[in-house]
Every structure is written in C-alpha cells, then in structure tokens.
C-alpha cells in the first residue's frame, strides 16, 4: 500500500480558491461549485501520488522544487515536504508567475 501524504494549503492558496469560486460564480454558481470540486479531486490525488504534477518549465520554480498540476486553465503549484504536500498557489495559467510565488 502506498504511503499517504497530508495536504496543507497555505492561506494564500485558500484565498486563490475562494477568488476562483467567486469569479466563476458571477456567471454560474453551479459551474463554480463543479469546478472547485474538480480542483479538489485533482489536488486530492496528490495524497497518494505526490509526483503526479509536472516539473515546471520556469527555471526559478524548478530551482525551488515546485511541481504543478494543471486543471483546465488553472495551475496548482505545490511542494513536497517529508510526508506533506504544501499547496502554495492556484492561479490561472495566463497570469505572470514571476511575482506570484
């Protein structure tokens, strides 16, 4: 049986999820709920497979050890720490990443 990791969301990542929900809910509350559920499912898979995410192309992100899971147009940035997965940011792929992480 594979080891199970614990997920930890940084406060800013929790804020990101709230902002994503609020943005989508302006047009469709049901779509917002569905999409946040999809994000939660994808992120939850990291508990059993922390290497599921890709190594980012951005050199600074690689240097810091980030991995990224892509869910539709959103990027979930995380670090693996011992038996914990730290979710650092959940951002739209079109955003400038240099100042976000």
PDB file of N, CA and C in Angstrom:
ATOM      1  N   UNK A   1       0.844  -1.186   0.000  1.00  0.00           N
ATOM      2  CA  UNK A   1       0.000   0.000   0.000  1.00  0.00           C
ATOM      3  C   UNK A   1       0.887   1.246   0.000  1.00  0.00           C
ATOM      4  N   UNK A   2       0.586   2.197  -0.857  1.00  0.00           N
ATOM      5  CA  UNK A   2       1.378   3.418  -0.972  1.00  0.00           C
ATOM      6  C   UNK A   2       1.188   4.308   0.254  1.00  0.00           C
ATOM      7  N   UNK A   3       2.261   4.998   0.608  1.00  0.00           N
ATOM      8  CA  UNK A   3       2.185   5.939   1.728  1.00  0.00           C
ATOM      9  C   UNK A   3       1.230   7.065   1.376  1.00  0.00           C
ATOM     10  N   UNK A   4       0.536   7.542   2.354  1.00  0.00           N
ATOM     11  CA  UNK A   4      -0.416   8.628   2.143  1.00  0.00           C
ATOM     12  C   UNK A   4       0.197   9.917   2.679  1.00  0.00           C
ATOM     13  N   UNK A   5       0.119  10.959   1.894  1.00  0.00           N
ATOM     14  CA  UNK A   5       0.629  12.267   2.265  1.00  0.00           C
ATOM     15  C   UNK A   5      -0.516  13.123   2.785  1.00  0.00           C
ATOM     16  N   UNK A   6      -0.175  14.111   3.595  1.00  0.00           N
ATOM     17  CA  UNK A   6      -1.155  15.052   4.114  1.00  0.00           C
ATOM     18  C   UNK A   6      -1.105  16.324   3.288  1.00  0.00           C
ATOM     19  N   UNK A   7      -2.271  16.831   2.907  1.00  0.00           N
ATOM     20  CA  UNK A   7      -2.336  18.084   2.162  1.00  0.00           C
ATOM     21  C   UNK A   7      -2.413  19.255   3.132  1.00  0.00           C
ATOM     22  N   UNK A   8      -1.650  20.290   2.829  1.00  0.00           N
ATOM     23  CA  UNK A   8      -1.709  21.543   3.587  1.00  0.00           C
ATOM     24  C   UNK A   8      -1.823  22.681   2.587  1.00  0.00           C
ATOM     25  N   UNK A   9      -2.824  23.505   2.761  1.00  0.00           N
ATOM     26  CA  UNK A   9      -2.998  24.676   1.912  1.00  0.00           C
ATOM     27  C   UNK A   9      -2.448  25.891   2.627  1.00  0.00           C
ATOM     28  N   UNK A  10      -1.553  26.621   1.969  1.00  0.00           N
ATOM     29  CA  UNK A  10      -1.138  27.896   2.520  1.00  0.00           C
ATOM     30  C   UNK A  10      -2.346  28.836   2.475  1.00  0.00           C
ATOM     31  N   UNK A  11      -2.410  29.804   3.389  1.00  0.00           N
ATOM     32  CA  UNK A  11      -3.552  30.734   3.379  1.00  0.00           C
ATOM     33  C   UNK A  11      -3.762  31.408   2.020  1.00  0.00           C
ATOM     34  N   UNK A  12      -2.698  31.752   1.340  1.00  0.00           N
ATOM     35  CA  UNK A  12      -2.853  32.405   0.037  1.00  0.00           C
ATOM     36  C   UNK A  12      -3.478  31.458  -0.988  1.00  0.00           C
ATOM     37  N   UNK A  13      -3.193  30.171  -0.892  1.00  0.00           N
ATOM     38  CA  UNK A  13      -3.818  29.192  -1.797  1.00  0.00           C
ATOM     39  C   UNK A  13      -5.312  29.069  -1.494  1.00  0.00           C
ATOM     40  N   UNK A  14      -5.670  29.123  -0.212  1.00  0.00           N
ATOM     41  CA  UNK A  14      -7.087  29.116   0.157  1.00  0.00           C
ATOM     42  C   UNK A  14      -7.778  30.359  -0.397  1.00  0.00           C
ATOM     43  N   UNK A  15      -7.093  31.500  -0.326  1.00  0.00           N
ATOM     44  CA  UNK A  15      -7.637  32.736  -0.906  1.00  0.00           C
ATOM     45  C   UNK A  15      -7.799  32.603  -2.414  1.00  0.00           C
ATOM     46  N   UNK A  16      -6.827  31.956  -3.064  1.00  0.00           N
ATOM     47  CA  UNK A  16      -6.924  31.730  -4.511  1.00  0.00           C
ATOM     48  C   UNK A  16      -8.187  30.945  -4.848  1.00  0.00           C
ATOM     49  N   UNK A  17      -8.453  29.879  -4.103  1.00  0.00           N
ATOM     50  CA  UNK A  17      -9.632  29.049  -4.365  1.00  0.00           C
ATOM     51  C   UNK A  17     -10.923  29.842  -4.176  1.00  0.00           C
ATOM     52  N   UNK A  18     -10.958  30.661  -3.143  1.00  0.00           N
ATOM     53  CA  UNK A  18     -12.138  31.495  -2.904  1.00  0.00           C
ATOM     54  C   UNK A  18     -12.341  32.481  -4.050  1.00  0.00           C
ATOM     55  N   UNK A  19     -11.248  33.099  -4.505  1.00  0.00           N
ATOM     56  CA  UNK A  19     -11.335  34.061  -5.605  1.00  0.00           C
ATOM     57  C   UNK A  19     -11.785  33.379  -6.900  1.00  0.00           C
ATOM     58  N   UNK A  20     -11.290  32.173  -7.159  1.00  0.00           N
ATOM     59  CA  UNK A  20     -11.695  31.428  -8.355  1.00  0.00           C
ATOM     60  C   UNK A  20     -13.191  31.120  -8.284  1.00  0.00           C
ATOM     61  N   UNK A  21     -13.633  30.636  -7.131  1.00  0.00           N
ATOM     62  CA  UNK A  21     -15.053  30.338  -6.960  1.00  0.00           C
ATOM     63  C   UNK A  21     -15.895  31.584  -7.186  1.00  0.00           C
ATOM     64  N   UNK A  22     -15.518  32.690  -6.544  1.00  0.00           N
ATOM     65  CA  UNK A  22     -16.280  33.937  -6.666  1.00  0.00           C
ATOM     66  C   UNK A  22     -16.334  34.430  -8.104  1.00  0.00           C
ATOM     67  N   UNK A  23     -15.210  34.330  -8.814  1.00  0.00           N
ATOM     68  CA  UNK A  23     -15.153  34.787 -10.197  1.00  0.00           C
ATOM     69  C   UNK A  23     -16.094  33.975 -11.090  1.00  0.00           C
ATOM     70  N   UNK A  24     -16.024  32.668 -10.979  1.00  0.00           N
ATOM     71  CA  UNK A  24     -16.869  31.801 -11.813  1.00  0.00           C
ATOM     72  C   UNK A  24     -18.341  31.922 -11.403  1.00  0.00           C
ATOM     73  N   UNK A  25     -18.596  32.081 -10.103  1.00  0.00           N
ATOM     74  CA  UNK A  25     -19.970  32.151  -9.586  1.00  0.00           C
ATOM     75  C   UNK A  25     -20.717  33.387 -10.069  1.00  0.00           C
ATOM     76  N   UNK A  26     -19.991  34.412 -10.480  1.00  0.00           N
ATOM     77  CA  UNK A  26     -20.680  35.602 -11.024  1.00  0.00           C
ATOM     78  C   UNK A  26     -21.547  35.222 -12.223  1.00  0.00           C
ATOM     79  N   UNK A  27     -21.067  34.279 -13.015  1.00  0.00           N
ATOM     80  CA  UNK A  27     -21.819  33.830 -14.187  1.00  0.00           C
ATOM     81  C   UNK A  27     -22.646  32.582 -13.911  1.00  0.00           C
ATOM     82  N   UNK A  28     -22.089  31.682 -13.089  1.00  0.00           N
ATOM     83  CA  UNK A  28     -22.778  30.408 -12.861  1.00  0.00           C
ATOM     84  C   UNK A  28     -22.345  29.791 -11.534  1.00  0.00           C
ATOM     85  N   UNK A  29     -23.160  29.964 -10.492  1.00  0.00           N
ATOM     86  CA  UNK A  29     -22.814  29.361  -9.200  1.00  0.00           C
ATOM     87  C   UNK A  29     -22.642  27.841  -9.272  1.00  0.00           C
ATOM     88  N   UNK A  30     -23.463  27.182 -10.081  1.00  0.00           N
ATOM     89  CA  UNK A  30     -23.336  25.723 -10.164  1.00  0.00           C
ATOM     90  C   UNK A  30     -22.032  25.330 -10.856  1.00  0.00           C
ATOM     91  N   UNK A  31     -21.628  26.071 -11.877  1.00  0.00           N
ATOM     92  CA  UNK A  31     -20.345  25.812 -12.555  1.00  0.00           C
ATOM     93  C   UNK A  31     -19.191  26.063 -11.592  1.00  0.00           C
ATOM     94  N   UNK A  32     -19.305  27.105 -10.775  1.00  0.00           N
ATOM     95  CA  UNK A  32     -18.255  27.410  -9.803  1.00  0.00           C
ATOM     96  C   UNK A  32     -18.077  26.253  -8.824  1.00  0.00           C
ATOM     97  N   UNK A  33     -19.172  25.752  -8.321  1.00  0.00           N
ATOM     98  CA  UNK A  33     -19.115  24.628  -7.378  1.00  0.00           C
ATOM     99  C   UNK A  33     -18.538  23.390  -8.048  1.00  0.00           C
ATOM    100  N   UNK A  34     -18.971  23.116  -9.264  1.00  0.00           N
ATOM    101  CA  UNK A  34     -18.472  21.970 -10.007  1.00  0.00           C
ATOM    102  C   UNK A  34     -16.967  22.080 -10.260  1.00  0.00           C
ATOM    103  N   UNK A  35     -16.508  23.266 -10.628  1.00  0.00           N
ATOM    104  CA  UNK A  35     -15.091  23.434 -10.919  1.00  0.00           C
ATOM    105  C   UNK A  35     -14.237  23.326  -9.652  1.00  0.00           C
ATOM    106  N   UNK A  36     -14.688  23.909  -8.553  1.00  0.00           N
ATOM    107  CA  UNK A  36     -13.929  23.800  -7.304  1.00  0.00           C
ATOM    108  C   UNK A  36     -13.884  22.340  -6.844  1.00  0.00           C
ATOM    109  N   UNK A  37     -14.966  21.601  -7.063  1.00  0.00           N
ATOM    110  CA  UNK A  37     -14.954  20.160  -6.764  1.00  0.00           C
ATOM    111  C   UNK A  37     -13.918  19.434  -7.626  1.00  0.00           C
ATOM    112  N   UNK A  38     -13.841  19.814  -8.899  1.00  0.00           N
ATOM    113  CA  UNK A  38     -12.856  19.213  -9.799  1.00  0.00           C
ATOM    114  C   UNK A  38     -11.439  19.516  -9.337  1.00  0.00           C
ATOM    115  N   UNK A  39     -11.198  20.773  -8.946  1.00  0.00           N
ATOM    116  CA  UNK A  39      -9.884  21.135  -8.400  1.00  0.00           C
ATOM    117  C   UNK A  39      -9.568  20.297  -7.167  1.00  0.00           C
ATOM    118  N   UNK A  40     -10.543  20.186  -6.286  1.00  0.00           N
ATOM    119  CA  UNK A  40     -10.356  19.427  -5.045  1.00  0.00           C
ATOM    120  C   UNK A  40     -10.030  17.964  -5.346  1.00  0.00           C
ATOM    121  N   UNK A  41     -10.712  17.379  -6.314  1.00  0.00           N
ATOM    122  CA  UNK A  41     -10.438  15.989  -6.693  1.00  0.00           C
ATOM    123  C   UNK A  41      -9.011  15.826  -7.223  1.00  0.00           C
ATOM    124  N   UNK A  42      -8.609  16.723  -8.116  1.00  0.00           N
ATOM    125  CA  UNK A  42      -7.267  16.647  -8.700  1.00  0.00           C
ATOM    126  C   UNK A  42      -6.190  16.839  -7.634  1.00  0.00           C
ATOM    127  N   UNK A  43      -6.378  17.828  -6.779  1.00  0.00           N
ATOM    128  CA  UNK A  43      -5.407  18.089  -5.716  1.00  0.00           C
ATOM    129  C   UNK A  43      -5.387  16.919  -4.738  1.00  0.00           C
ATOM    130  N   UNK A  44      -6.541  16.355  -4.445  1.00  0.00           N
ATOM    131  CA  UNK A  44      -6.632  15.221  -3.524  1.00  0.00           C
ATOM    132  C   UNK A  44      -5.854  14.002  -4.000  1.00  0.00           C
ATOM    133  N   UNK A  45      -5.675  13.852  -5.299  1.00  0.00           N
ATOM    134  CA  UNK A  45      -4.901  12.727  -5.831  1.00  0.00           C
ATOM    135  C   UNK A  45      -3.429  12.797  -5.408  1.00  0.00           C
ATOM    136  N   UNK A  46      -2.977  13.978  -5.038  1.00  0.00           N
ATOM    137  CA  UNK A  46      -1.586  14.134  -4.600  1.00  0.00           C
ATOM    138  C   UNK A  46      -1.316  13.407  -3.282  1.00  0.00           C
ATOM    139  N   UNK A  47      -2.364  13.144  -2.507  1.00  0.00           N
ATOM    140  CA  UNK A  47      -2.184  12.434  -1.234  1.00  0.00           C
ATOM    141  C   UNK A  47      -1.581  11.047  -1.457  1.00  0.00           C
ATOM    142  N   UNK A  48      -1.929  10.428  -2.544  1.00  0.00           N
ATOM    143  CA  UNK A  48      -1.414   9.091  -2.847  1.00  0.00           C
ATOM    144  C   UNK A  48      -0.293   9.100  -3.876  1.00  0.00           C
ATOM    145  N   UNK A  49      -0.225  10.148  -4.670  1.00  0.00           N
ATOM    146  CA  UNK A  49       0.789  10.224  -5.711  1.00  0.00           C
ATOM    147  C   UNK A  49       1.346  11.650  -5.800  1.00  0.00           C
ATOM    148  N   UNK A  50       2.262  11.997  -4.903  1.00  0.00           N
ATOM    149  CA  UNK A  50       2.770  13.367  -4.862  1.00  0.00           C
ATOM    150  C   UNK A  50       3.566  13.778  -6.103  1.00  0.00           C
ATOM    151  N   UNK A  51       4.016  12.819  -6.879  1.00  0.00           N
ATOM    152  CA  UNK A  51       4.780  13.144  -8.088  1.00  0.00           C
ATOM    153  C   UNK A  51       3.874  13.278  -9.315  1.00  0.00           C
ATOM    154  N   UNK A  52       2.583  13.311  -9.088  1.00  0.00           N
ATOM    155  CA  UNK A  52       1.630  13.430 -10.176  1.00  0.00           C
ATOM    156  C   UNK A  52       1.856  14.703 -10.998  1.00  0.00           C
ATOM    157  N   UNK A  53       2.196  15.790 -10.327  1.00  0.00           N
ATOM    158  CA  UNK A  53       2.403  17.057 -11.024  1.00  0.00           C
ATOM    159  C   UNK A  53       3.704  17.076 -11.802  1.00  0.00           C
ATOM    160  N   UNK A  54       3.735  17.954 -12.773  1.00  0.00           N
ATOM    161  CA  UNK A  54       4.923  18.121 -13.608  1.00  0.00           C
ATOM    162  C   UNK A  54       5.925  19.043 -12.942  1.00  0.00           C
ATOM    163  N   UNK A  55       7.147  18.944 -13.391  1.00  0.00           N
ATOM    164  CA  UNK A  55       8.169  19.913 -13.001  1.00  0.00           C
ATOM    165  C   UNK A  55       7.979  21.117 -13.920  1.00  0.00           C
ATOM    166  N   UNK A  56       7.844  22.324 -13.361  1.00  0.00           N
ATOM    167  CA  UNK A  56       7.570  23.498 -14.201  1.00  0.00           C
ATOM    168  C   UNK A  56       8.722  23.835 -15.144  1.00  0.00           C
ATOM    169  N   UNK A  57       8.396  24.487 -16.243  1.00  0.00           N
ATOM    170  CA  UNK A  57       9.405  24.936 -17.195  1.00  0.00           C
ATOM    171  C   UNK A  57      10.173  26.144 -16.672  1.00  0.00           C
ATOM    172  N   UNK A  58       9.493  26.960 -15.892  1.00  0.00           N
ATOM    173  CA  UNK A  58      10.091  28.188 -15.359  1.00  0.00           C
ATOM    174  C   UNK A  58      11.278  27.822 -14.458  1.00  0.00           C
ATOM    175  N   UNK A  59      12.456  28.366 -14.767  1.00  0.00           N
ATOM    176  CA  UNK A  59      13.682  27.951 -14.071  1.00  0.00           C
ATOM    177  C   UNK A  59      13.648  28.238 -12.573  1.00  0.00           C
ATOM    178  N   UNK A  60      13.119  29.389 -12.167  1.00  0.00           N
ATOM    179  CA  UNK A  60      13.062  29.700 -10.728  1.00  0.00           C
ATOM    180  C   UNK A  60      12.177  28.712  -9.990  1.00  0.00           C
ATOM    181  N   UNK A  61      11.059  28.354 -10.591  1.00  0.00           N
ATOM    182  CA  UNK A  61      10.148  27.401  -9.952  1.00  0.00           C
ATOM    183  C   UNK A  61      10.799  26.030  -9.809  1.00  0.00           C
ATOM    184  N   UNK A  62      11.535  25.625 -10.837  1.00  0.00           N
ATOM    185  CA  UNK A  62      12.269  24.348 -10.761  1.00  0.00           C
ATOM    186  C   UNK A  62      13.298  24.393  -9.648  1.00  0.00           C
ATOM    187  N   UNK A  63      14.047  25.503  -9.566  1.00  0.00           N
ATOM    188  CA  UNK A  63      15.090  25.635  -8.535  1.00  0.00           C
ATOM    189  C   UNK A  63      14.515  25.507  -7.133  1.00  0.00           C
ATOM    190  N   UNK A  64      13.329  26.046  -6.908  1.00  0.00           N
ATOM    191  CA  UNK A  64      12.713  25.999  -5.582  1.00  0.00           C
ATOM    192  C   UNK A  64      12.042  24.655  -5.294  1.00  0.00           C
ATOM    193  N   UNK A  65      11.973  23.780  -6.303  1.00  0.00           N
ATOM    194  CA  UNK A  65      11.414  22.452  -6.093  1.00  0.00           C
ATOM    195  C   UNK A  65       9.917  22.340  -6.313  1.00  0.00           C
ATOM    196  N   UNK A  66       9.316  23.343  -6.929  1.00  0.00           N
ATOM    197  CA  UNK A  66       7.878  23.292  -7.179  1.00  0.00           C
ATOM    198  C   UNK A  66       7.520  22.213  -8.190  1.00  0.00           C
ATOM    199  N   UNK A  67       6.304  21.751  -8.046  1.00  0.00           N
ATOM    200  CA  UNK A  67       5.664  20.901  -9.040  1.00  0.00           C
ATOM    201  C   UNK A  67       4.331  21.571  -9.346  1.00  0.00           C
ATOM    202  N   UNK A  68       3.734  21.211 -10.481  1.00  0.00           N
ATOM    203  CA  UNK A  68       2.484  21.854 -10.878  1.00  0.00           C
ATOM    204  C   UNK A  68       1.517  20.823 -11.452  1.00  0.00           C
ATOM    205  N   UNK A  69       0.275  20.938 -11.020  1.00  0.00           N
ATOM    206  CA  UNK A  69      -0.830  20.155 -11.568  1.00  0.00           C
ATOM    207  C   UNK A  69      -1.676  21.130 -12.379  1.00  0.00           C
ATOM    208  N   UNK A  70      -2.033  20.725 -13.583  1.00  0.00           N
ATOM    209  CA  UNK A  70      -2.838  21.574 -14.455  1.00  0.00           C
ATOM    210  C   UNK A  70      -4.275  21.062 -14.439  1.00  0.00           C
ATOM    211  N   UNK A  71      -5.192  21.958 -14.116  1.00  0.00           N
ATOM    212  CA  UNK A  71      -6.620  21.641 -14.105  1.00  0.00           C
ATOM    213  C   UNK A  71      -7.308  22.690 -14.976  1.00  0.00           C
ATOM    214  N   UNK A  72      -7.676  22.270 -16.175  1.00  0.00           N
ATOM    215  CA  UNK A  72      -8.205  23.170 -17.193  1.00  0.00           C
ATOM    216  C   UNK A  72      -7.199  24.309 -17.392  1.00  0.00           C
ATOM    217  N   UNK A  73      -7.596  25.558 -17.170  1.00  0.00           N
ATOM    218  CA  UNK A  73      -6.691  26.690 -17.397  1.00  0.00           C
ATOM    219  C   UNK A  73      -5.952  27.115 -16.130  1.00  0.00           C
ATOM    220  N   UNK A  74      -6.092  26.347 -15.050  1.00  0.00           N
ATOM    221  CA  UNK A  74      -5.504  26.726 -13.769  1.00  0.00           C
ATOM    222  C   UNK A  74      -4.299  25.855 -13.431  1.00  0.00           C
ATOM    223  N   UNK A  75      -3.358  26.477 -12.752  1.00  0.00           N
ATOM    224  CA  UNK A  75      -2.126  25.811 -12.336  1.00  0.00           C
ATOM    225  C   UNK A  75      -2.108  25.730 -10.821  1.00  0.00           C
ATOM    226  N   UNK A  76      -1.868  24.537 -10.303  1.00  0.00           N
ATOM    227  CA  UNK A  76      -1.782  24.309  -8.856  1.00  0.00           C
ATOM    228  C   UNK A  76      -0.313  24.055  -8.538  1.00  0.00           C
ATOM    229  N   UNK A  77       0.315  25.005  -7.846  1.00  0.00           N
ATOM    230  CA  UNK A  77       1.731  24.889  -7.500  1.00  0.00           C
ATOM    231  C   UNK A  77       1.863  24.335  -6.088  1.00  0.00           C
ATOM    232  N   UNK A  78       2.753  23.350  -5.950  1.00  0.00           N
ATOM    233  CA  UNK A  78       2.925  22.723  -4.644  1.00  0.00           C
ATOM    234  C   UNK A  78       4.365  22.273  -4.448  1.00  0.00           C
ATOM    235  N   UNK A  79       4.683  22.035  -3.177  1.00  0.00           N
ATOM    236  CA  UNK A  79       5.980  21.485  -2.780  1.00  0.00           C
ATOM    237  C   UNK A  79       5.744  20.209  -1.989  1.00  0.00           C
ATOM    238  N   UNK A  80       6.651  19.272  -2.136  1.00  0.00           N
ATOM    239  CA  UNK A  80       6.601  18.039  -1.349  1.00  0.00           C
ATOM    240  C   UNK A  80       7.555  18.228  -0.178  1.00  0.00           C
ATOM    241  N   UNK A  81       7.034  18.106   1.022  1.00  0.00           N
ATOM    242  CA  UNK A  81       7.829  18.266   2.239  1.00  0.00           C
ATOM    243  C   UNK A  81       7.605  17.041   3.120  1.00  0.00           C
ATOM    244  N   UNK A  82       8.629  16.193   3.201  1.00  0.00           N
ATOM    245  CA  UNK A  82       8.525  14.974   4.003  1.00  0.00           C
ATOM    246  C   UNK A  82       7.264  14.210   3.584  1.00  0.00           C
ATOM    247  N   UNK A  83       6.289  14.070   4.477  1.00  0.00           N
ATOM    248  CA  UNK A  83       5.042  13.387   4.134  1.00  0.00           C
ATOM    249  C   UNK A  83       3.883  14.370   4.037  1.00  0.00           C
ATOM    250  N   UNK A  84       4.199  15.595   3.626  1.00  0.00           N
ATOM    251  CA  UNK A  84       3.184  16.627   3.463  1.00  0.00           C
ATOM    252  C   UNK A  84       3.290  17.215   2.054  1.00  0.00           C
ATOM    253  N   UNK A  85       2.163  17.569   1.518  1.00  0.00           N
ATOM    254  CA  UNK A  85       2.091  18.301   0.261  1.00  0.00           C
ATOM    255  C   UNK A  85       1.594  19.683   0.622  1.00  0.00           C
ATOM    256  N   UNK A  86       2.408  20.706   0.331  1.00  0.00           N
ATOM    257  CA  UNK A  86       2.015  22.091   0.596  1.00  0.00           C
ATOM    258  C   UNK A  86       1.510  22.716  -0.696  1.00  0.00           C
ATOM    259  N   UNK A  87       0.244  23.082  -0.700  1.00  0.00           N
ATOM    260  CA  UNK A  87      -0.338  23.776  -1.850  1.00  0.00           C
ATOM    261  C   UNK A  87      -0.035  25.264  -1.659  1.00  0.00           C
ATOM    262  N   UNK A  88       0.759  25.812  -2.587  1.00  0.00           N
ATOM    263  CA  UNK A  88       1.195  27.205  -2.449  1.00  0.00           C
ATOM    264  C   UNK A  88       0.311  28.186  -3.191  1.00  0.00           C
ATOM    265  N   UNK A  89      -0.068  27.870  -4.406  1.00  0.00           N
ATOM    266  CA  UNK A  89      -0.905  28.783  -5.187  1.00  0.00           C
ATOM    267  C   UNK A  89      -1.766  27.983  -6.147  1.00  0.00           C
ATOM    268  N   UNK A  90      -2.914  28.568  -6.487  1.00  0.00           N
ATOM    269  CA  UNK A  90      -3.791  28.052  -7.527  1.00  0.00           C
ATOM    270  C   UNK A  90      -4.125  29.266  -8.397  1.00  0.00           C
ATOM    271  N   UNK A  91      -3.528  29.325  -9.580  1.00  0.00           N
ATOM    272  CA  UNK A  91      -3.647  30.538 -10.400  1.00  0.00           C
ATOM    273  C   UNK A  91      -4.009  30.195 -11.843  1.00  0.00           C
ATOM    274  N   UNK A  92      -4.587  31.163 -12.509  1.00  0.00           N
ATOM    275  CA  UNK A  92      -4.902  30.997 -13.925  1.00  0.00           C
ATOM    276  C   UNK A  92      -3.592  30.977 -14.706  1.00  0.00           C
ATOM    277  N   UNK A  93      -3.501  30.141 -15.698  1.00  0.00           N
ATOM    278  CA  UNK A  93      -2.280  29.964 -16.465  1.00  0.00           C
ATOM    279  C   UNK A  93      -1.829  31.198 -17.220  1.00  0.00           C
ATOM    280  N   UNK A  94      -2.695  32.168 -17.422  1.00  0.00           N
ATOM    281  CA  UNK A  94      -2.321  33.365 -18.154  1.00  0.00           C
ATOM    282  C   UNK A  94      -1.645  34.419 -17.259  1.00  0.00           C
ATOM    283  N   UNK A  95      -1.615  34.186 -15.964  1.00  0.00           N
ATOM    284  CA  UNK A  95      -1.027  35.169 -15.037  1.00  0.00           C
ATOM    285  C   UNK A  95       0.495  35.130 -15.090  1.00  0.00           C
ATOM    286  N   UNK A  96       1.086  36.272 -14.748  1.00  0.00           N
ATOM    287  CA  UNK A  96       2.534  36.399 -14.663  1.00  0.00           C
ATOM    288  C   UNK A  96       2.991  35.685 -13.391  1.00  0.00           C
ATOM    289  N   UNK A  97       3.781  34.652 -13.537  1.00  0.00           N
ATOM    290  CA  UNK A  97       4.175  33.822 -12.396  1.00  0.00           C
ATOM    291  C   UNK A  97       5.348  34.378 -11.608  1.00  0.00           C
ATOM    292  N   UNK A  98       6.113  35.292 -12.192  1.00  0.00           N
ATOM    293  CA  UNK A  98       7.323  35.778 -11.525  1.00  0.00           C
ATOM    294  C   UNK A  98       7.068  36.365 -10.142  1.00  0.00           C
ATOM    295  N   UNK A  99       5.981  37.070  -9.967  1.00  0.00           N
ATOM    296  CA  UNK A  99       5.758  37.710  -8.667  1.00  0.00           C
ATOM    297  C   UNK A  99       4.728  36.979  -7.793  1.00  0.00           C
ATOM    298  N   UNK A 100       4.205  35.867  -8.276  1.00  0.00           N
ATOM    299  CA  UNK A 100       3.154  35.174  -7.534  1.00  0.00           C
ATOM    300  C   UNK A 100       3.660  34.193  -6.494  1.00  0.00           C
ATOM    301  N   UNK A 101       4.820  33.593  -6.743  1.00  0.00           N
ATOM    302  CA  UNK A 101       5.285  32.528  -5.843  1.00  0.00           C
ATOM    303  C   UNK A 101       6.472  32.953  -5.009  1.00  0.00           C
TER     304      UNK A 101
END
